[in-house]
Amino acid sequence: ARAQAYAGFAAIAGIAAGIGPIIG
């Protein structure tokens, strides 16, 4: 459970960095 939460936390950072230009 904690491992998946950390993975989600890290993954959302990569996703946010990637889709940030589209949102902007």
PDB file of all heavy atoms in Angstrom:
ATOM      1  N   ALA A   1       0.837  -1.211   0.000  1.00  0.00           N
ATOM      2  CA  ALA A   1       0.000   0.000   0.000  1.00  0.00           C
ATOM      3  C   ALA A   1       0.864   1.250   0.000  1.00  0.00           C
ATOM      4  O   ALA A   1       0.627   2.192  -0.768  1.00  0.00           O
ATOM      5  CB  ALA A   1      -0.935   0.000   1.211  1.00  0.00           C
ATOM      6  N   ARG A   2       1.871   1.269   0.868  1.00  0.00           N
ATOM      7  CA  ARG A   2       2.739   2.439   0.932  1.00  0.00           C
ATOM      8  C   ARG A   2       3.598   2.548  -0.324  1.00  0.00           C
ATOM      9  O   ARG A   2       3.831   3.651  -0.837  1.00  0.00           O
ATOM     10  CB  ARG A   2       3.622   2.382   2.179  1.00  0.00           C
ATOM     11  CG  ARG A   2       4.410   3.668   2.427  1.00  0.00           C
ATOM     12  CD  ARG A   2       5.236   3.581   3.702  1.00  0.00           C
ATOM     13  NE  ARG A   2       4.380   3.439   4.877  1.00  0.00           N
ATOM     14  CZ  ARG A   2       4.839   3.139   6.090  1.00  0.00           C
ATOM     15  NH1 ARG A   2       6.137   2.914   6.274  1.00  0.00           N
ATOM     16  NH2 ARG A   2       4.014   3.042   7.109  1.00  0.00           N
ATOM     17  N   ALA A   3       4.072   1.417  -0.820  1.00  0.00           N
ATOM     18  CA  ALA A   3       4.892   1.424  -2.037  1.00  0.00           C
ATOM     19  C   ALA A   3       4.099   1.987  -3.216  1.00  0.00           C
ATOM     20  O   ALA A   3       4.629   2.784  -4.007  1.00  0.00           O
ATOM     21  CB  ALA A   3       5.376   0.014  -2.354  1.00  0.00           C
ATOM     22  N   GLN A   4       2.838   1.587  -3.332  1.00  0.00           N
ATOM     23  CA  GLN A   4       2.013   2.095  -4.435  1.00  0.00           C
ATOM     24  C   GLN A   4       1.713   3.586  -4.253  1.00  0.00           C
ATOM     25  O   GLN A   4       1.635   4.333  -5.233  1.00  0.00           O
ATOM     26  CB  GLN A   4       0.724   1.289  -4.522  1.00  0.00           C
ATOM     27  CG  GLN A   4       0.945  -0.138  -5.029  1.00  0.00           C
ATOM     28  CD  GLN A   4      -0.340  -0.961  -5.074  1.00  0.00           C
ATOM     29  OE1 GLN A   4      -1.420  -0.433  -4.832  1.00  0.00           O
ATOM     30  NE2 GLN A   4      -0.217  -2.247  -5.352  1.00  0.00           N
ATOM     31  N   ALA A   5       1.562   4.023  -2.991  1.00  0.00           N
ATOM     32  CA  ALA A   5       1.329   5.452  -2.742  1.00  0.00           C
ATOM     33  C   ALA A   5       2.556   6.263  -3.154  1.00  0.00           C
ATOM     34  O   ALA A   5       2.437   7.318  -3.786  1.00  0.00           O
ATOM     35  CB  ALA A   5       1.004   5.683  -1.267  1.00  0.00           C
ATOM     36  N   TYR A   6       3.743   5.780  -2.797  1.00  0.00           N
ATOM     37  CA  TYR A   6       4.971   6.463  -3.206  1.00  0.00           C
ATOM     38  C   TYR A   6       5.116   6.459  -4.726  1.00  0.00           C
ATOM     39  O   TYR A   6       5.543   7.456  -5.334  1.00  0.00           O
ATOM     40  CB  TYR A   6       6.192   5.798  -2.585  1.00  0.00           C
ATOM     41  CG  TYR A   6       6.495   6.225  -1.171  1.00  0.00           C
ATOM     42  CD1 TYR A   6       6.818   5.284  -0.193  1.00  0.00           C
ATOM     43  CD2 TYR A   6       6.470   7.574  -0.811  1.00  0.00           C
ATOM     44  CE1 TYR A   6       7.108   5.669   1.099  1.00  0.00           C
ATOM     45  CE2 TYR A   6       6.745   7.959   0.490  1.00  0.00           C
ATOM     46  CZ  TYR A   6       7.068   7.011   1.443  1.00  0.00           C
ATOM     47  OH  TYR A   6       7.356   7.395   2.726  1.00  0.00           O
ATOM     48  N   ALA A   7       4.783   5.334  -5.334  1.00  0.00           N
ATOM     49  CA  ALA A   7       4.876   5.261  -6.801  1.00  0.00           C
ATOM     50  C   ALA A   7       3.917   6.256  -7.450  1.00  0.00           C
ATOM     51  O   ALA A   7       4.267   6.939  -8.421  1.00  0.00           O
ATOM     52  CB  ALA A   7       4.557   3.840  -7.271  1.00  0.00           C
ATOM     53  N   GLY A   8       2.709   6.361  -6.894  1.00  0.00           N
ATOM     54  CA  GLY A   8       1.746   7.330  -7.412  1.00  0.00           C
ATOM     55  C   GLY A   8       2.216   8.752  -7.203  1.00  0.00           C
ATOM     56  O   GLY A   8       2.057   9.609  -8.081  1.00  0.00           O
ATOM     57  N   PHE A   9       2.817   9.014  -6.051  1.00  0.00           N
ATOM     58  CA  PHE A   9       3.331  10.348  -5.737  1.00  0.00           C
ATOM     59  C   PHE A   9       4.424  10.749  -6.728  1.00  0.00           C
ATOM     60  O   PHE A   9       4.451  11.880  -7.218  1.00  0.00           O
ATOM     61  CB  PHE A   9       3.891  10.335  -4.311  1.00  0.00           C
ATOM     62  CG  PHE A   9       4.325  11.679  -3.801  1.00  0.00           C
ATOM     63  CD1 PHE A   9       3.396  12.586  -3.323  1.00  0.00           C
ATOM     64  CD2 PHE A   9       5.665  12.032  -3.782  1.00  0.00           C
ATOM     65  CE1 PHE A   9       3.791  13.831  -2.836  1.00  0.00           C
ATOM     66  CE2 PHE A   9       6.075  13.265  -3.304  1.00  0.00           C
ATOM     67  CZ  PHE A   9       5.131  14.166  -2.830  1.00  0.00           C
ATOM     68  N   ALA A  10       5.327   9.806  -7.017  1.00  0.00           N
ATOM     69  CA  ALA A  10       6.407  10.083  -7.968  1.00  0.00           C
ATOM     70  C   ALA A  10       5.861  10.187  -9.390  1.00  0.00           C
ATOM     71  O   ALA A  10       6.272  11.053 -10.172  1.00  0.00           O
ATOM     72  CB  ALA A  10       7.466   8.992  -7.883  1.00  0.00           C
ATOM     73  N   ALA A  11       4.937   9.289  -9.728  1.00  0.00           N
ATOM     74  CA  ALA A  11       4.398   9.273 -11.089  1.00  0.00           C
ATOM     75  C   ALA A  11       3.633  10.552 -11.402  1.00  0.00           C
ATOM     76  O   ALA A  11       3.730  11.087 -12.504  1.00  0.00           O
ATOM     77  CB  ALA A  11       3.488   8.061 -11.273  1.00  0.00           C
ATOM     78  N   ILE A  12       2.883  11.066 -10.417  1.00  0.00           N
ATOM     79  CA  ILE A  12       2.100  12.274 -10.684  1.00  0.00           C
ATOM     80  C   ILE A  12       3.019  13.458 -10.939  1.00  0.00           C
ATOM     81  O   ILE A  12       2.669  14.393 -11.682  1.00  0.00           O
ATOM     82  CB  ILE A  12       1.127  12.584  -9.514  1.00  0.00           C
ATOM     83  CG1 ILE A  12      -0.034  13.478  -9.987  1.00  0.00           C
ATOM     84  CG2 ILE A  12       1.839  13.241  -8.355  1.00  0.00           C
ATOM     85  CD1 ILE A  12      -0.969  12.828 -10.945  1.00  0.00           C
ATOM     86  N   ALA A  13       4.223  13.431 -10.354  1.00  0.00           N
ATOM     87  CA  ALA A  13       5.185  14.500 -10.621  1.00  0.00           C
ATOM     88  C   ALA A  13       5.622  14.452 -12.082  1.00  0.00           C
ATOM     89  O   ALA A  13       5.687  15.490 -12.757  1.00  0.00           O
ATOM     90  CB  ALA A  13       6.398  14.366  -9.698  1.00  0.00           C
ATOM     91  N   GLY A  14       5.922  13.256 -12.570  1.00  0.00           N
ATOM     92  CA  GLY A  14       6.301  13.121 -13.974  1.00  0.00           C
ATOM     93  C   GLY A  14       5.162  13.488 -14.908  1.00  0.00           C
ATOM     94  O   GLY A  14       5.373  14.141 -15.941  1.00  0.00           O
ATOM     95  N   ILE A  15       3.949  13.066 -14.542  1.00  0.00           N
ATOM     96  CA  ILE A  15       2.779  13.386 -15.367  1.00  0.00           C
ATOM     97  C   ILE A  15       2.542  14.894 -15.394  1.00  0.00           C
ATOM     98  O   ILE A  15       2.284  15.486 -16.450  1.00  0.00           O
ATOM     99  CB  ILE A  15       1.542  12.646 -14.824  1.00  0.00           C
ATOM    100  CG1 ILE A  15       1.705  11.135 -15.029  1.00  0.00           C
ATOM    101  CG2 ILE A  15       0.273  13.148 -15.497  1.00  0.00           C
ATOM    102  CD1 ILE A  15       0.699  10.299 -14.253  1.00  0.00           C
ATOM    103  N   ALA A  16       2.632  15.537 -14.225  1.00  0.00           N
ATOM    104  CA  ALA A  16       2.413  16.980 -14.150  1.00  0.00           C
ATOM    105  C   ALA A  16       3.450  17.737 -14.978  1.00  0.00           C
ATOM    106  O   ALA A  16       3.120  18.700 -15.679  1.00  0.00           O
ATOM    107  CB  ALA A  16       2.470  17.449 -12.694  1.00  0.00           C
ATOM    108  N   ALA A  17       4.715  17.298 -14.890  1.00  0.00           N
ATOM    109  CA  ALA A  17       5.763  17.950 -15.685  1.00  0.00           C
ATOM    110  C   ALA A  17       5.492  17.778 -17.175  1.00  0.00           C
ATOM    111  O   ALA A  17       5.741  18.684 -17.977  1.00  0.00           O
ATOM    112  CB  ALA A  17       7.126  17.364 -15.324  1.00  0.00           C
ATOM    113  N   GLY A  18       4.944  16.615 -17.545  1.00  0.00           N
ATOM    114  CA  GLY A  18       4.688  16.333 -18.950  1.00  0.00           C
ATOM    115  C   GLY A  18       3.490  17.069 -19.521  1.00  0.00           C
ATOM    116  O   GLY A  18       3.544  17.598 -20.634  1.00  0.00           O
ATOM    117  N   ILE A  19       2.397  17.129 -18.758  1.00  0.00           N
ATOM    118  CA  ILE A  19       1.185  17.757 -19.299  1.00  0.00           C
ATOM    119  C   ILE A  19       1.090  19.237 -18.951  1.00  0.00           C
ATOM    120  O   ILE A  19       0.191  19.931 -19.436  1.00  0.00           O
ATOM    121  CB  ILE A  19      -0.098  17.032 -18.838  1.00  0.00           C
ATOM    122  CG1 ILE A  19      -0.353  17.243 -17.342  1.00  0.00           C
ATOM    123  CG2 ILE A  19      -0.039  15.570 -19.182  1.00  0.00           C
ATOM    124  CD1 ILE A  19      -1.691  16.708 -16.891  1.00  0.00           C
ATOM    125  N   GLY A  20       2.039  19.723 -18.135  1.00  0.00           N
ATOM    126  CA  GLY A  20       2.048  21.142 -17.803  1.00  0.00           C
ATOM    127  C   GLY A  20       2.020  22.036 -19.030  1.00  0.00           C
ATOM    128  O   GLY A  20       1.237  22.998 -19.080  1.00  0.00           O
ATOM    129  N   PRO A  21       2.845  21.745 -20.047  1.00  0.00           N
ATOM    130  CA  PRO A  21       2.817  22.598 -21.245  1.00  0.00           C
ATOM    131  C   PRO A  21       1.464  22.616 -21.947  1.00  0.00           C
ATOM    132  O   PRO A  21       1.067  23.640 -22.515  1.00  0.00           O
ATOM    133  CB  PRO A  21       3.898  21.969 -22.137  1.00  0.00           C
ATOM    134  CG  PRO A  21       4.842  21.320 -21.177  1.00  0.00           C
ATOM    135  CD  PRO A  21       3.974  20.792 -20.079  1.00  0.00           C
ATOM    136  N   ILE A  22       0.761  21.497 -21.934  1.00  0.00           N
ATOM    137  CA  ILE A  22      -0.555  21.457 -22.577  1.00  0.00           C
ATOM    138  C   ILE A  22      -1.554  22.311 -21.797  1.00  0.00           C
ATOM    139  O   ILE A  22      -2.323  23.091 -22.376  1.00  0.00           O
ATOM    140  CB  ILE A  22      -1.057  20.007 -22.683  1.00  0.00           C
ATOM    141  CG1 ILE A  22      -0.105  19.194 -23.555  1.00  0.00           C
ATOM    142  CG2 ILE A  22      -2.469  19.967 -23.253  1.00  0.00           C
ATOM    143  CD1 ILE A  22      -0.435  17.736 -23.628  1.00  0.00           C
ATOM    144  N   ILE A  23      -1.526  22.184 -20.475  1.00  0.00           N
ATOM    145  CA  ILE A  23      -2.419  22.990 -19.642  1.00  0.00           C
ATOM    146  C   ILE A  23      -2.114  24.476 -19.838  1.00  0.00           C
ATOM    147  O   ILE A  23      -3.020  25.302 -20.028  1.00  0.00           O
ATOM    148  CB  ILE A  23      -2.263  22.593 -18.160  1.00  0.00           C
ATOM    149  CG1 ILE A  23      -2.749  21.152 -17.942  1.00  0.00           C
ATOM    150  CG2 ILE A  23      -3.021  23.558 -17.256  1.00  0.00           C
ATOM    151  CD1 ILE A  23      -2.497  20.622 -16.551  1.00  0.00           C
ATOM    152  N   GLY A  24      -0.810  24.805 -19.810  1.00  0.00           N
ATOM    153  CA  GLY A  24      -0.428  26.191 -20.017  1.00  0.00           C
ATOM    154  C   GLY A  24      -0.842  26.698 -21.385  1.00  0.00           C
ATOM    155  O   GLY A  24      -1.309  27.839 -21.532  1.00  0.00           O
TER     156      GLY A  24
END
